N, C-alpha and C. Protein backbone atom coordinates (compact mmCIF):
# COMPACT_ATOMS: atom_id res chain seq x y z
N MET A 1 -18.40 4.53 13.51
CA MET A 1 -17.06 4.22 12.57
C MET A 1 -17.59 2.84 12.89
N TYR A 2 -16.86 2.17 11.50
CA TYR A 2 -16.66 0.61 11.39
C TYR A 2 -15.00 0.70 10.66
N TYR A 3 -14.79 -0.88 11.27
CA TYR A 3 -13.15 -0.68 10.98
C TYR A 3 -13.53 -2.36 10.10
N GLU A 4 -12.83 -2.24 9.17
CA GLU A 4 -12.63 -3.61 8.62
C GLU A 4 -11.43 -4.11 8.58
N LEU A 5 -10.96 -5.06 9.09
CA LEU A 5 -9.83 -5.81 9.52
C LEU A 5 -9.46 -6.54 8.71
N ARG A 6 -8.32 -6.83 7.59
CA ARG A 6 -8.59 -7.92 6.52
C ARG A 6 -7.01 -8.60 7.10
N THR A 7 -7.08 -9.86 6.93
CA THR A 7 -6.28 -10.46 7.07
C THR A 7 -5.52 -11.68 5.86
N TYR A 8 -4.67 -11.66 5.22
CA TYR A 8 -4.02 -12.59 4.02
C TYR A 8 -3.42 -13.25 4.75
N THR A 9 -3.31 -14.60 4.07
CA THR A 9 -2.10 -15.71 4.46
C THR A 9 -1.37 -15.60 3.30
N ILE A 10 0.09 -15.53 3.00
CA ILE A 10 0.25 -15.57 1.96
C ILE A 10 1.48 -16.49 1.97
N ALA A 11 1.74 -17.56 0.77
CA ALA A 11 2.56 -18.58 0.76
C ALA A 11 4.16 -18.36 0.98
N PRO A 12 4.61 -19.21 1.44
CA PRO A 12 5.97 -19.08 1.90
C PRO A 12 6.61 -18.65 0.50
N THR A 13 7.77 -17.80 1.12
CA THR A 13 8.75 -17.24 0.05
C THR A 13 7.90 -16.34 -1.12
N LYS A 14 7.04 -15.98 -0.73
CA LYS A 14 5.96 -15.07 -1.71
C LYS A 14 5.73 -13.56 -1.22
N LEU A 15 6.00 -13.54 0.10
CA LEU A 15 5.82 -12.33 0.67
C LEU A 15 6.42 -10.85 0.23
N ALA A 16 7.30 -10.99 -0.18
CA ALA A 16 7.83 -9.95 -0.64
C ALA A 16 7.38 -9.85 -2.03
N ASP A 17 7.50 -10.70 -2.82
CA ASP A 17 6.76 -10.72 -3.94
C ASP A 17 5.56 -9.58 -3.93
N TRP A 18 4.39 -10.29 -3.38
CA TRP A 18 2.99 -9.87 -2.94
C TRP A 18 3.22 -8.46 -2.35
N LEU A 19 3.80 -7.99 -1.06
CA LEU A 19 3.74 -6.73 -0.51
C LEU A 19 4.45 -5.99 -2.09
N ALA A 20 5.37 -6.08 -2.86
CA ALA A 20 5.77 -5.06 -3.97
C ALA A 20 4.76 -5.11 -5.11
N LEU A 21 4.18 -6.33 -5.30
CA LEU A 21 2.89 -6.18 -6.39
C LEU A 21 1.89 -5.14 -5.51
N TYR A 22 1.59 -5.27 -4.52
CA TYR A 22 0.17 -4.37 -4.01
C TYR A 22 0.93 -2.85 -3.67
N GLN A 23 2.27 -2.66 -3.57
CA GLN A 23 2.71 -1.04 -3.27
C GLN A 23 2.51 -0.70 -4.63
N SER A 24 2.78 -1.26 -5.65
CA SER A 24 3.20 -0.95 -7.24
C SER A 24 1.44 -0.68 -7.76
N ASP A 25 0.68 -1.66 -7.47
CA ASP A 25 -0.45 -1.91 -8.60
C ASP A 25 -1.80 -1.59 -7.27
N ALA A 26 -1.72 -1.77 -6.33
CA ALA A 26 -3.20 -1.84 -5.76
C ALA A 26 -2.88 -0.53 -4.50
N LEU A 27 -2.12 -0.20 -3.96
CA LEU A 27 -2.25 0.76 -2.79
C LEU A 27 -3.02 2.21 -3.48
N ALA A 28 -2.43 2.80 -4.19
CA ALA A 28 -3.20 3.88 -4.67
C ALA A 28 -4.48 3.52 -5.03
N VAL A 29 -4.82 2.74 -5.79
CA VAL A 29 -6.56 2.63 -5.79
C VAL A 29 -7.10 2.21 -4.77
N GLN A 30 -6.65 1.57 -3.80
CA GLN A 30 -7.56 1.30 -2.73
C GLN A 30 -7.58 2.63 -1.96
N THR A 31 -6.51 3.31 -1.78
CA THR A 31 -6.55 4.25 -1.08
C THR A 31 -7.46 5.28 -1.78
N GLU A 32 -7.38 5.48 -3.08
CA GLU A 32 -8.22 6.24 -3.63
C GLU A 32 -10.36 6.08 -3.43
N HIS A 33 -10.08 4.90 -3.44
CA HIS A 33 -11.67 4.29 -3.47
C HIS A 33 -11.95 3.98 -2.04
N LEU A 34 -11.05 3.68 -0.98
CA LEU A 34 -11.58 2.85 -0.26
C LEU A 34 -11.39 3.84 1.05
N GLY A 35 -10.53 5.21 0.89
CA GLY A 35 -10.53 5.95 1.82
C GLY A 35 -9.61 6.19 3.08
N LYS A 36 -9.87 5.81 4.33
CA LYS A 36 -9.34 5.73 5.33
C LYS A 36 -8.67 4.54 5.65
N LEU A 37 -7.23 4.57 5.18
CA LEU A 37 -5.90 3.53 5.51
C LEU A 37 -6.05 3.62 7.15
N VAL A 38 -6.07 2.81 8.19
CA VAL A 38 -5.92 2.95 9.39
C VAL A 38 -4.30 2.30 9.62
N GLY A 39 -3.97 1.17 9.07
CA GLY A 39 -2.56 0.68 9.29
C GLY A 39 -2.73 -0.64 8.20
N PHE A 40 -1.38 -1.10 8.10
CA PHE A 40 -0.77 -2.05 7.31
C PHE A 40 0.17 -2.95 7.81
N PHE A 41 0.09 -3.92 8.18
CA PHE A 41 0.88 -4.69 8.95
C PHE A 41 1.71 -6.05 8.48
N THR A 42 2.13 -6.95 8.61
CA THR A 42 3.09 -7.97 8.40
C THR A 42 3.31 -8.81 9.49
N THR A 43 3.08 -9.70 9.88
CA THR A 43 3.11 -10.66 11.37
C THR A 43 4.56 -10.95 11.61
N GLU A 44 4.83 -10.39 12.95
CA GLU A 44 6.10 -10.85 13.46
C GLU A 44 6.23 -12.38 14.05
N PHE A 45 5.29 -12.44 14.92
CA PHE A 45 5.33 -13.44 15.43
C PHE A 45 3.60 -14.22 15.58
N GLY A 46 3.56 -15.40 15.86
CA GLY A 46 2.13 -16.00 15.37
C GLY A 46 2.33 -16.68 14.23
N GLU A 47 1.00 -16.56 13.47
CA GLU A 47 1.32 -17.42 11.77
C GLU A 47 1.97 -16.39 11.28
N ALA A 48 2.86 -17.00 10.50
CA ALA A 48 3.90 -16.34 9.33
C ALA A 48 3.33 -16.17 8.48
N ASN A 49 3.80 -15.31 7.56
CA ASN A 49 3.72 -15.02 6.20
C ASN A 49 2.12 -14.37 6.57
N GLN A 50 1.76 -13.52 6.91
CA GLN A 50 0.37 -13.08 7.01
C GLN A 50 0.85 -11.45 6.79
N VAL A 51 -0.29 -11.13 6.11
CA VAL A 51 -0.71 -9.32 6.03
C VAL A 51 -1.84 -8.67 6.19
N VAL A 52 -1.57 -7.81 7.35
CA VAL A 52 -3.05 -7.33 7.93
C VAL A 52 -3.25 -5.53 7.60
N HIS A 53 -4.86 -5.54 7.11
CA HIS A 53 -4.52 -4.38 7.04
C HIS A 53 -6.12 -4.14 7.48
N ILE A 54 -6.39 -2.58 8.02
CA ILE A 54 -7.55 -2.00 8.67
C ILE A 54 -7.59 -0.58 7.87
N TRP A 55 -9.08 -0.75 7.56
CA TRP A 55 -9.65 0.50 6.86
C TRP A 55 -10.84 1.05 7.68
N ALA A 56 -11.07 2.37 7.75
CA ALA A 56 -12.22 2.68 8.17
C ALA A 56 -13.24 3.46 7.46
N TYR A 57 -14.66 2.94 8.17
CA TYR A 57 -15.56 3.00 7.20
C TYR A 57 -16.52 4.11 8.46
N GLU A 58 -17.55 5.06 7.83
CA GLU A 58 -18.55 5.85 8.43
C GLU A 58 -19.78 5.03 9.15
N SER A 59 -20.05 4.29 7.86
CA SER A 59 -20.88 3.15 7.77
C SER A 59 -20.98 2.19 7.10
N LEU A 60 -21.61 1.31 6.98
CA LEU A 60 -21.63 -0.33 6.15
C LEU A 60 -22.15 0.15 4.92
N ASP A 61 -23.09 1.12 4.51
CA ASP A 61 -23.50 1.52 3.26
C ASP A 61 -22.11 2.08 2.31
N GLU A 62 -21.51 3.02 3.48
CA GLU A 62 -20.34 3.54 2.90
C GLU A 62 -19.00 2.96 2.53
N ARG A 63 -18.99 1.54 3.35
CA ARG A 63 -17.95 0.40 2.68
C ARG A 63 -18.65 -0.24 1.29
N ILE A 64 -19.80 -0.79 1.54
CA ILE A 64 -20.27 -1.03 0.18
C ILE A 64 -20.07 -0.40 -1.09
N ALA A 65 -20.69 1.10 -0.67
CA ALA A 65 -20.05 1.99 -2.00
C ALA A 65 -18.93 2.20 -2.29
N ARG A 66 -18.08 2.62 -1.47
CA ARG A 66 -16.73 2.37 -1.73
C ARG A 66 -15.76 1.26 -2.55
N ARG A 67 -16.42 0.13 -1.93
CA ARG A 67 -15.72 -1.61 -2.47
C ARG A 67 -16.48 -1.73 -3.71
N GLY A 68 -17.79 -1.49 -4.10
CA GLY A 68 -18.20 -1.32 -5.44
C GLY A 68 -17.44 -0.67 -6.22
N SER A 69 -17.61 0.88 -5.96
CA SER A 69 -16.51 1.63 -6.81
C SER A 69 -15.41 1.33 -7.08
N MET A 70 -14.52 0.59 -6.18
CA MET A 70 -13.08 0.08 -6.69
C MET A 70 -13.05 -1.21 -7.36
N ALA A 71 -14.05 -2.25 -7.22
CA ALA A 71 -14.04 -2.99 -7.91
C ALA A 71 -14.74 -2.89 -9.62
N ALA A 72 -15.08 -1.70 -9.67
CA ALA A 72 -15.34 -0.90 -11.03
C ALA A 72 -14.32 -0.59 -11.99
N ASP A 73 -13.46 -0.29 -11.43
CA ASP A 73 -12.10 0.28 -11.56
C ASP A 73 -11.02 -0.64 -12.04
N PRO A 74 -10.86 -0.26 -13.45
CA PRO A 74 -10.21 -1.50 -14.40
C PRO A 74 -8.59 -1.69 -13.54
N ARG A 75 -7.97 -0.68 -13.13
CA ARG A 75 -6.54 -0.71 -12.38
C ARG A 75 -6.72 -2.02 -11.03
N TRP A 76 -7.77 -1.68 -10.58
CA TRP A 76 -8.06 -3.08 -9.86
C TRP A 76 -8.47 -4.43 -10.67
N ALA A 77 -9.18 -4.26 -11.21
CA ALA A 77 -8.91 -5.77 -12.19
C ALA A 77 -7.65 -5.98 -12.46
N GLU A 78 -6.73 -4.86 -13.04
CA GLU A 78 -5.78 -5.36 -13.31
C GLU A 78 -4.46 -6.01 -12.03
N PHE A 79 -4.80 -5.09 -11.08
CA PHE A 79 -4.00 -6.09 -9.76
C PHE A 79 -4.53 -7.39 -9.47
N SER A 80 -6.29 -7.30 -9.70
CA SER A 80 -6.46 -8.86 -9.48
C SER A 80 -6.09 -9.85 -10.33
N ARG A 81 -5.82 -9.55 -11.55
CA ARG A 81 -4.97 -10.26 -12.52
C ARG A 81 -3.74 -11.06 -12.15
N LYS A 82 -2.89 -10.04 -11.90
CA LYS A 82 -1.44 -10.24 -11.55
C LYS A 82 -1.31 -10.78 -10.43
N ASN A 83 -2.45 -10.40 -9.30
CA ASN A 83 -2.25 -10.91 -8.22
C ASN A 83 -2.76 -12.62 -8.01
N LYS A 84 -3.95 -12.85 -8.84
CA LYS A 84 -4.18 -14.29 -9.75
C LYS A 84 -2.83 -15.19 -9.98
N GLU A 85 -2.34 -14.26 -10.85
CA GLU A 85 -1.05 -15.00 -11.74
C GLU A 85 0.03 -15.45 -10.36
N LEU A 86 0.49 -14.56 -9.58
CA LEU A 86 1.39 -14.51 -8.38
C LEU A 86 1.03 -16.02 -7.68
N GLY A 87 -0.15 -16.18 -7.41
CA GLY A 87 -0.60 -17.34 -6.78
C GLY A 87 0.08 -16.99 -5.03
N ALA A 88 -0.04 -15.97 -4.46
CA ALA A 88 0.60 -15.96 -3.12
C ALA A 88 -0.14 -16.32 -2.44
N VAL A 89 -1.61 -15.52 -2.59
CA VAL A 89 -2.62 -15.65 -1.53
C VAL A 89 -3.08 -16.84 -1.02
N LEU A 90 -3.21 -17.40 0.02
CA LEU A 90 -3.51 -18.75 0.43
C LEU A 90 -4.90 -19.11 0.92
N ARG A 91 -5.35 -17.57 1.50
CA ARG A 91 -6.62 -17.40 2.56
C ARG A 91 -6.56 -16.20 2.79
N LEU A 92 -7.82 -16.00 2.59
CA LEU A 92 -8.43 -14.19 3.17
C LEU A 92 -9.39 -14.47 4.22
N GLU A 93 -9.31 -13.54 5.31
CA GLU A 93 -10.52 -13.18 6.53
C GLU A 93 -10.48 -11.58 6.53
N SER A 94 -11.84 -11.64 6.48
CA SER A 94 -12.47 -10.24 6.69
C SER A 94 -13.26 -10.03 7.82
N ARG A 95 -12.94 -9.32 8.76
CA ARG A 95 -13.82 -8.88 10.07
C ARG A 95 -14.28 -7.17 10.18
N LEU A 96 -15.40 -7.17 10.33
CA LEU A 96 -16.11 -5.84 10.50
C LEU A 96 -16.52 -5.49 11.80
N MET A 97 -15.52 -4.58 12.43
CA MET A 97 -15.64 -4.14 13.66
C MET A 97 -15.98 -2.91 13.92
N ARG A 98 -16.62 -2.96 15.33
CA ARG A 98 -17.26 -1.53 15.60
C ARG A 98 -16.47 -1.42 17.07
N PRO A 99 -15.93 -0.22 17.17
CA PRO A 99 -15.08 0.52 18.51
C PRO A 99 -16.06 0.26 19.82
N THR A 100 -15.56 0.02 21.05
CA THR A 100 -16.14 0.20 21.93
C THR A 100 -16.22 1.42 22.23
N GLY A 101 -17.11 1.92 23.49
CA GLY A 101 -17.14 3.33 23.75
C GLY A 101 -15.77 4.03 24.63
N PHE A 102 -14.97 3.01 24.96
CA PHE A 102 -14.00 3.73 25.46
C PHE A 102 -12.66 3.24 24.66
N SER A 103 -13.06 2.82 23.32
CA SER A 103 -11.58 2.87 22.52
C SER A 103 -10.88 4.11 22.09
N PRO A 104 -9.74 4.22 21.87
CA PRO A 104 -9.35 5.69 21.48
C PRO A 104 -9.79 5.68 19.73
N LEU A 105 -10.47 4.39 19.24
CA LEU A 105 -10.61 4.48 17.45
C LEU A 105 -12.23 4.73 17.59
N LYS A 106 -12.88 5.90 17.90
CA LYS A 106 -14.22 5.93 17.58
C LYS A 106 -14.91 6.33 16.41
């Protein structure tokens, strides 16, 4: 199992707008294509205005196929257009992680 941890840094004062756009236009599309959403979070302490979400994949090939399918979906293109217009995302970091043998997420 692989876990992708994606961290978005959002422009100050735009976090609520970005979350509303994501929930209305992207969540269903991503869930349909990417599969297993492990968690979706906003930061309380540390670096402010961050959104963190984690998706689970059985393999790297599955991740590639699922993300490719999502990228080809016109609904995702529409979200991407609106997201760009909103101008809220300042930075994206993506980490692909594998759990240790003793991790509860295996």
